[in-house]
C-alpha atoms as a PDB file:
ATOM      1  CA  MET A   1      32.028 113.862-101.943  1.00  0.00           C
ATOM      2  CA  VAL A   2      30.716 112.274 -98.764  1.00  0.00           C
ATOM      3  CA  GLN A   3      27.231 110.836 -99.121  1.00  0.00           C
ATOM      4  CA  LYS A   4      24.954 112.008 -96.331  1.00  0.00           C
ATOM      5  CA  ALA A   5      21.923 109.746 -96.429  1.00  0.00           C
ATOM      6  CA  ILE A   6      20.563 110.218 -92.908  1.00  0.00           C
ATOM      7  CA  PRO A   7      19.324 113.552 -91.541  1.00  0.00           C
ATOM      8  CA  ALA A   8      20.230 114.715 -88.046  1.00  0.00           C
ATOM      9  CA  PRO A   9      17.405 114.058 -85.542  1.00  0.00           C
ATOM     10  CA  GLY A  10      16.526 117.768 -85.288  1.00  0.00           C
ATOM     11  CA  PRO A  11      13.358 119.159 -83.646  1.00  0.00           C
ATOM     12  CA  GLY A  12      11.323 116.576 -81.781  1.00  0.00           C
ATOM     13  CA  ALA A  13      14.355 114.558 -80.708  1.00  0.00           C
ATOM     14  CA  PHE A  14      14.799 113.757 -77.029  1.00  0.00           C
ATOM     15  CA  SER A  15      17.739 112.557 -74.958  1.00  0.00           C
ATOM     16  CA  LEU A  16      17.901 109.160 -73.282  1.00  0.00           C
ATOM     17  CA  LEU A  17      20.941 110.168 -71.188  1.00  0.00           C
ATOM     18  CA  ASN A  18      20.504 112.923 -68.608  1.00  0.00           C
ATOM     19  CA  GLY A  19      23.338 112.498 -66.132  1.00  0.00           C
ATOM     20  CA  THR A  20      21.750 109.568 -64.304  1.00  0.00           C
ATOM     21  CA  LEU A  21      20.799 106.005 -65.187  1.00  0.00           C
ATOM     22  CA  ASP A  22      17.122 106.682 -64.527  1.00  0.00           C
ATOM     23  CA  GLY A  23      15.084 104.550 -66.912  1.00  0.00           C
ATOM     24  CA  TRP A  24      18.007 102.242 -67.652  1.00  0.00           C
ATOM     25  CA  GLN A  25      18.623  98.717 -66.365  1.00  0.00           C
ATOM     26  CA  MET A  26      21.638  96.423 -66.538  1.00  0.00           C
ATOM     27  CA  ALA A  27      21.360  92.879 -67.901  1.00  0.00           C
ATOM     28  CA  GLY A  28      24.314  90.508 -67.742  1.00  0.00           C
ATOM     29  CA  SER A  29      27.612  91.206 -66.025  1.00  0.00           C
ATOM     30  CA  GLY A  30      29.639  94.381 -65.803  1.00  0.00           C
ATOM     31  CA  ARG A  31      28.111  97.813 -65.474  1.00  0.00           C
ATOM     32  CA  PHE A  32      27.975 101.349 -66.827  1.00  0.00           C
ATOM     33  CA  ASN A  33      29.193 104.342 -64.832  1.00  0.00           C
ATOM     34  CA  VAL A  34      28.053 107.946 -65.198  1.00  0.00           C
ATOM     35  CA  VAL A  35      31.228 109.956 -65.848  1.00  0.00           C
ATOM     36  CA  GLY A  36      29.847 113.311 -66.986  1.00  0.00           C
ATOM     37  CA  SER A  37      26.681 115.352 -67.293  1.00  0.00           C
ATOM     38  CA  ASN A  38      25.308 113.043 -69.984  1.00  0.00           C
ATOM     39  CA  THR A  39      28.157 110.549 -70.500  1.00  0.00           C
ATOM     40  CA  VAL A  40      28.287 106.877 -69.500  1.00  0.00           C
ATOM     41  CA  GLU A  41      31.204 104.446 -69.674  1.00  0.00           C
ATOM     42  CA  SER A  42      31.170 100.655 -69.930  1.00  0.00           C
ATOM     43  CA  GLU A  43      33.072  98.546 -67.401  1.00  0.00           C
ATOM     44  CA  GLY A  44      33.507  94.863 -66.647  1.00  0.00           C
ATOM     45  CA  GLY A  45      32.126  91.737 -68.288  1.00  0.00           C
ATOM     46  CA  ILE A  46      29.650  91.263 -71.103  1.00  0.00           C
ATOM     47  CA  GLY A  47      26.161  92.645 -70.721  1.00  0.00           C
ATOM     48  CA  LEU A  48      23.736  95.310 -71.844  1.00  0.00           C
ATOM     49  CA  LEU A  49      22.476  98.575 -70.402  1.00  0.00           C
ATOM     50  CA  TRP A  50      18.985  98.975 -71.821  1.00  0.00           C
ATOM     51  CA  TYR A  51      16.349 101.683 -71.812  1.00  0.00           C
ATOM     52  CA  THR A  52      13.268 100.273 -70.100  1.00  0.00           C
ATOM     53  CA  LYS A  53      10.746 103.096 -70.408  1.00  0.00           C
ATOM     54  CA  GLU A  54       9.796 102.758 -74.047  1.00  0.00           C
ATOM     55  CA  GLU A  55       9.996 100.666 -77.198  1.00  0.00           C
ATOM     56  CA  PHE A  56      10.807 102.264 -80.546  1.00  0.00           C
ATOM     57  CA  ALA A  57       9.674 101.283 -84.044  1.00  0.00           C
ATOM     58  CA  ASP A  58      10.672 103.763 -86.786  1.00  0.00           C
ATOM     59  CA  PHE A  59      13.189 106.315 -85.553  1.00  0.00           C
ATOM     60  CA  LEU A  60      16.344 108.332 -86.020  1.00  0.00           C
ATOM     61  CA  LEU A  61      19.033 107.831 -83.394  1.00  0.00           C
ATOM     62  CA  MET A  62      22.188 109.849 -82.899  1.00  0.00           C
ATOM     63  CA  VAL A  63      24.857 109.004 -80.349  1.00  0.00           C
ATOM     64  CA  GLN A  64      28.470 110.003 -79.822  1.00  0.00           C
ATOM     65  CA  TRP A  65      30.982 107.423 -78.638  1.00  0.00           C
ATOM     66  CA  ARG A  66      34.699 106.988 -78.186  1.00  0.00           C
ATOM     67  CA  SER A  67      37.104 104.183 -77.407  1.00  0.00           C
ATOM     68  CA  ILE A  68      40.621 104.460 -75.998  1.00  0.00           C
ATOM     69  CA  ASN A  69      42.133 101.073 -76.814  1.00  0.00           C
ATOM     70  CA  LEU A  70      42.146  99.186 -80.110  1.00  0.00           C
ATOM     71  CA  PHE A  71      40.741  96.147 -78.277  1.00  0.00           C
ATOM     72  CA  ASP A  72      37.729  98.061 -76.914  1.00  0.00           C
ATOM     73  CA  ASN A  73      34.450  96.556 -78.060  1.00  0.00           C
ATOM     74  CA  SER A  74      30.854  97.699 -77.713  1.00  0.00           C
ATOM     75  CA  GLY A  75      27.699  98.292 -79.699  1.00  0.00           C
ATOM     76  CA  VAL A  76      24.380 100.089 -79.934  1.00  0.00           C
ATOM     77  CA  PHE A  77      21.474  97.625 -79.781  1.00  0.00           C
ATOM     78  CA  LEU A  78      18.112  98.290 -81.421  1.00  0.00           C
ATOM     79  CA  ARG A  79      14.595  96.848 -81.413  1.00  0.00           C
ATOM     80  CA  PHE A  80      15.104  93.972 -79.000  1.00  0.00           C
ATOM     81  CA  PRO A  81      12.479  92.490 -76.624  1.00  0.00           C
ATOM     82  CA  LYS A  82      12.091  93.400 -72.967  1.00  0.00           C
ATOM     83  CA  LEU A  83      14.888  91.855 -70.896  1.00  0.00           C
ATOM     84  CA  GLY A  84      15.092  90.633 -67.313  1.00  0.00           C
ATOM     85  CA  ASN A  85      11.937  88.551 -67.484  1.00  0.00           C
ATOM     86  CA  GLN A  86      13.526  85.314 -66.271  1.00  0.00           C
ATOM     87  CA  ASN A  87      17.286  85.332 -65.762  1.00  0.00           C
ATOM     88  CA  LEU A  88      18.781  88.811 -65.567  1.00  0.00           C
ATOM     89  CA  ALA A  89      22.299  87.440 -66.007  1.00  0.00           C
ATOM     90  CA  GLU A  90      21.452  85.688 -69.281  1.00  0.00           C
ATOM     91  CA  ASP A  91      18.496  87.581 -70.761  1.00  0.00           C
ATOM     92  CA  TRP A  92      20.817  90.055 -72.518  1.00  0.00           C
ATOM     93  CA  LYS A  93      21.339  87.286 -75.078  1.00  0.00           C
ATOM     94  CA  LEU A  94      17.789  87.936 -76.314  1.00  0.00           C
ATOM     95  CA  ALA A  95      19.057  91.253 -77.639  1.00  0.00           C
ATOM     96  CA  VAL A  96      21.796  89.455 -79.569  1.00  0.00           C
ATOM     97  CA  ASP A  97      19.494  86.787 -80.980  1.00  0.00           C
ATOM     98  CA  GLN A  98      16.414  88.895 -81.682  1.00  0.00           C
ATOM     99  CA  GLY A  99      17.606  92.498 -81.979  1.00  0.00           C
ATOM    100  CA  TYR A 100      20.169  94.377 -84.047  1.00  0.00           C
ATOM    101  CA  GLU A 101      23.632  95.538 -82.990  1.00  0.00           C
ATOM    102  CA  VAL A 102      25.439  98.435 -84.615  1.00  0.00           C
ATOM    103  CA  GLN A 103      28.966  97.304 -83.895  1.00  0.00           C
ATOM    104  CA  ILE A 104      31.892  99.165 -82.332  1.00  0.00           C
ATOM    105  CA  ASP A 105      35.093  97.210 -82.976  1.00  0.00           C
ATOM    106  CA  ASP A 106      37.695  98.742 -85.264  1.00  0.00           C
ATOM    107  CA  ARG A 107      39.515  95.412 -85.473  1.00  0.00           C
ATOM    108  CA  GLY A 108      36.501  93.690 -86.990  1.00  0.00           C
ATOM    109  CA  PHE A 109      37.125  90.569 -84.916  1.00  0.00           C
ATOM    110  CA  ASP A 110      35.180  87.496 -86.027  1.00  0.00           C
ATOM    111  CA  PRO A 111      34.805  85.095 -83.063  1.00  0.00           C
ATOM    112  CA  ASN A 112      33.803  82.270 -85.395  1.00  0.00           C
ATOM    113  CA  THR A 113      37.124  82.289 -87.275  1.00  0.00           C
ATOM    114  CA  ASN A 114      39.294  84.037 -84.663  1.00  0.00           C
ATOM    115  CA  THR A 115      40.406  86.535 -87.318  1.00  0.00           C
ATOM    116  CA  THR A 116      40.234  90.322 -87.698  1.00  0.00           C
ATOM    117  CA  GLY A 117      39.161  92.522 -90.587  1.00  0.00           C
ATOM    118  CA  SER A 118      35.657  91.077 -90.998  1.00  0.00           C
ATOM    119  CA  PRO A 119      33.234  93.634 -92.527  1.00  0.00           C
ATOM    120  CA  LEU A 120      30.317  91.924 -90.745  1.00  0.00           C
ATOM    121  CA  HIS A 121      32.006  92.486 -87.367  1.00  0.00           C
ATOM    122  CA  MET A 122      33.591  95.907 -87.948  1.00  0.00           C
ATOM    123  CA  THR A 123      32.588  99.281 -86.523  1.00  0.00           C
ATOM    124  CA  GLY A 124      29.426 100.464 -88.262  1.00  0.00           C
ATOM    125  CA  ALA A 125      28.242  97.023 -89.347  1.00  0.00           C
ATOM    126  CA  VAL A 126      24.845  95.738 -88.330  1.00  0.00           C
ATOM    127  CA  TYR A 127      26.535  92.836 -86.590  1.00  0.00           C
ATOM    128  CA  GLN A 128      26.476  89.671 -88.708  1.00  0.00           C
ATOM    129  CA  LEU A 129      23.580  91.056 -90.796  1.00  0.00           C
ATOM    130  CA  ALA A 130      24.920  93.956 -92.898  1.00  0.00           C
ATOM    131  CA  PRO A 131      28.644  94.590 -93.495  1.00  0.00           C
ATOM    132  CA  ALA A 132      30.472  97.863 -92.994  1.00  0.00           C
ATOM    133  CA  ILE A 133      31.635  99.017 -96.431  1.00  0.00           C
ATOM    134  CA  LYS A 134      34.480 101.023 -94.896  1.00  0.00           C
ATOM    135  CA  LEU A 135      36.038 101.919 -91.547  1.00  0.00           C
ATOM    136  CA  ALA A 136      35.128 105.540 -90.860  1.00  0.00           C
ATOM    137  CA  SER A 137      36.133 105.784 -87.184  1.00  0.00           C
ATOM    138  CA  LYS A 138      38.288 108.634 -85.942  1.00  0.00           C
ATOM    139  CA  SER A 139      41.543 108.121 -84.051  1.00  0.00           C
ATOM    140  CA  LEU A 140      41.396 106.461 -80.637  1.00  0.00           C
ATOM    141  CA  GLY A 141      40.293 108.904 -77.952  1.00  0.00           C
ATOM    142  CA  GLU A 142      38.302 111.102 -80.353  1.00  0.00           C
ATOM    143  CA  TRP A 143      34.521 111.310 -80.310  1.00  0.00           C
ATOM    144  CA  ASN A 144      32.665 109.575 -83.139  1.00  0.00           C
ATOM    145  CA  THR A 145      29.044 110.079 -84.166  1.00  0.00           C
ATOM    146  CA  PHE A 146      26.593 107.381 -85.212  1.00  0.00           C
ATOM    147  CA  GLU A 147      23.420 108.453 -86.992  1.00  0.00           C
ATOM    148  CA  ILE A 148      21.094 105.479 -87.365  1.00  0.00           C
ATOM    149  CA  GLU A 149      17.815 105.405 -89.258  1.00  0.00           C
ATOM    150  CA  ALA A 150      15.455 102.475 -88.666  1.00  0.00           C
ATOM    151  CA  VAL A 151      12.383 102.386 -90.903  1.00  0.00           C
ATOM    152  CA  GLY A 152      10.521  99.119 -91.361  1.00  0.00           C
ATOM    153  CA  PRO A 153      13.040  96.418 -92.310  1.00  0.00           C
ATOM    154  CA  ASP A 154      15.650  99.004 -93.359  1.00  0.00           C
ATOM    155  CA  ILE A 155      18.428 100.129 -91.028  1.00  0.00           C
ATOM    156  CA  LYS A 156      20.985 102.651 -92.293  1.00  0.00           C
ATOM    157  CA  VAL A 157      24.123 103.482 -90.330  1.00  0.00           C
ATOM    158  CA  GLN A 158      26.103 106.648 -90.828  1.00  0.00           C
ATOM    159  CA  LEU A 159      29.441 107.109 -89.047  1.00  0.00           C
ATOM    160  CA  ASN A 160      30.996 110.561 -88.893  1.00  0.00           C
ATOM    161  CA  GLY A 161      28.893 111.672 -91.850  1.00  0.00           C
ATOM    162  CA  GLU A 162      29.569 108.665 -94.076  1.00  0.00           C
ATOM    163  CA  LEU A 163      27.069 105.936 -94.900  1.00  0.00           C
ATOM    164  CA  VAL A 164      28.823 102.731 -93.800  1.00  0.00           C
ATOM    165  CA  SER A 165      26.113 100.044 -93.760  1.00  0.00           C
ATOM    166  CA  HIS A 166      22.551  99.421 -94.898  1.00  0.00           C
ATOM    167  CA  LEU A 167      20.420  96.503 -93.781  1.00  0.00           C
ATOM    168  CA  THR A 168      17.547  95.833 -96.194  1.00  0.00           C
ATOM    169  CA  ASN A 169      16.322  92.465 -94.916  1.00  0.00           C
ATOM    170  CA  ASN A 170      15.470  92.169 -91.236  1.00  0.00           C
ATOM    171  CA  GLN A 171      15.513  88.344 -91.480  1.00  0.00           C
ATOM    172  CA  GLY A 172      12.392  88.012 -89.367  1.00  0.00           C
ATOM    173  CA  ARG A 173      13.669  90.107 -86.470  1.00  0.00           C
ATOM    174  CA  PRO A 174      11.370  92.578 -84.675  1.00  0.00           C
ATOM    175  CA  LEU A 175      10.464  95.949 -86.186  1.00  0.00           C
ATOM    176  CA  LYS A 176       9.968  97.454 -82.728  1.00  0.00           C
ATOM    177  CA  GLY A 177      11.788  97.151 -79.429  1.00  0.00           C
ATOM    178  CA  HIS A 178      14.174  98.622 -76.903  1.00  0.00           C
ATOM    179  CA  ILE A 179      17.479 100.472 -77.246  1.00  0.00           C
ATOM    180  CA  GLY A 180      20.636  99.426 -75.387  1.00  0.00           C
ATOM    181  CA  LEU A 181      24.381  99.952 -75.014  1.00  0.00           C
ATOM    182  CA  GLN A 182      26.758  97.013 -74.736  1.00  0.00           C
ATOM    183  CA  ASN A 183      29.637  96.428 -72.361  1.00  0.00           C
ATOM    184  CA  HIS A 184      31.797  93.641 -73.708  1.00  0.00           C
ATOM    185  CA  HIS A 185      34.732  92.352 -71.664  1.00  0.00           C
ATOM    186  CA  PRO A 186      36.904  93.278 -68.661  1.00  0.00           C
ATOM    187  CA  GLY A 187      39.259  96.085 -69.612  1.00  0.00           C
ATOM    188  CA  SER A 188      37.051  97.394 -72.408  1.00  0.00           C
ATOM    189  CA  ARG A 189      35.857 100.935 -71.685  1.00  0.00           C
ATOM    190  CA  VAL A 190      33.739 102.734 -74.266  1.00  0.00           C
ATOM    191  CA  GLN A 191      32.041 106.050 -73.536  1.00  0.00           C
ATOM    192  CA  PHE A 192      28.701 107.277 -74.879  1.00  0.00           C
ATOM    193  CA  ARG A 193      27.111 110.721 -74.757  1.00  0.00           C
ATOM    194  CA  ASN A 194      24.396 112.798 -76.460  1.00  0.00           C
ATOM    195  CA  LEU A 195      22.091 109.864 -77.194  1.00  0.00           C
ATOM    196  CA  LEU A 196      19.145 111.424 -79.025  1.00  0.00           C
ATOM    197  CA  VAL A 197      16.112 109.675 -80.504  1.00  0.00           C
ATOM    198  CA  LYS A 198      13.429 111.056 -82.781  1.00  0.00           C
ATOM    199  CA  LYS A 199      10.385 108.979 -83.646  1.00  0.00           C
ATOM    200  CA  ILE A 200       9.393 108.877 -87.306  1.00  0.00           C
ATOM    201  CA  GLY A 201       5.664 109.074 -88.033  1.00  0.00           C
ATOM    202  CA  ALA A 202       3.925 106.625 -90.338  1.00  0.00           C
ATOM    203  CA  ALA A 203       3.622 109.075 -93.245  1.00  0.00           C
ATOM    204  CA  VAL A 204       7.285 110.052 -93.100  1.00  0.00           C
ATOM    205  CA  ALA A 205       8.344 106.427 -92.731  1.00  0.00           C
ATOM    206  CA  ALA A 206       6.307 105.455 -95.794  1.00  0.00           C
ATOM    207  CA  GLY A 207       8.007 108.175 -97.823  1.00  0.00           C
ATOM    208  CA  ARG A 208      11.478 107.104 -96.769  1.00  0.00           C
ATOM    209  CA  ALA A 209      10.736 103.457 -97.510  1.00  0.00           C
ATOM    210  CA  ARG A 210      10.103 104.214-101.179  1.00  0.00           C
END
């Protein structure tokens, strides 16, 4: 039986994608293109499309994504500091160093060892912080669904209804920050749609943390 640990966002959730890139800003190289009513697609070099209007602390996030090629690479970034303060081309690295990335890479490529199959670098992992316990992605070209719950130092990641990773130690990283979508390298095109966020109140967060 599939374990379903994270509820759907439900009432009170709101969309961060509305058919435009209003409220979003690009850091680094490459870009995102709007390709549908609420769908965006990564293109070009490495960088980050981030939501500038608000920071989020405890929340539920749901987003659908799909890749076409096995070598496609992307990620959903959470709780990172404001970018673009000094060098727009390089400030995206703050999100890598100080935020959290829920990885999209079915190969699980580890750039440190130049090998594949690494649970810390596989789809669903909290990149380099919490391993994916299994690969739960659908076939290339099909839509996948991430449901992510961030409460205090805990981050749970559910992929297509299956709990795939659980970070329990934030290792000193922020407990509040921005949300972003990664574009990774030329030729990599990953699409995102239906990005919903629901804030979790303090009382609910305290109950879930028990």
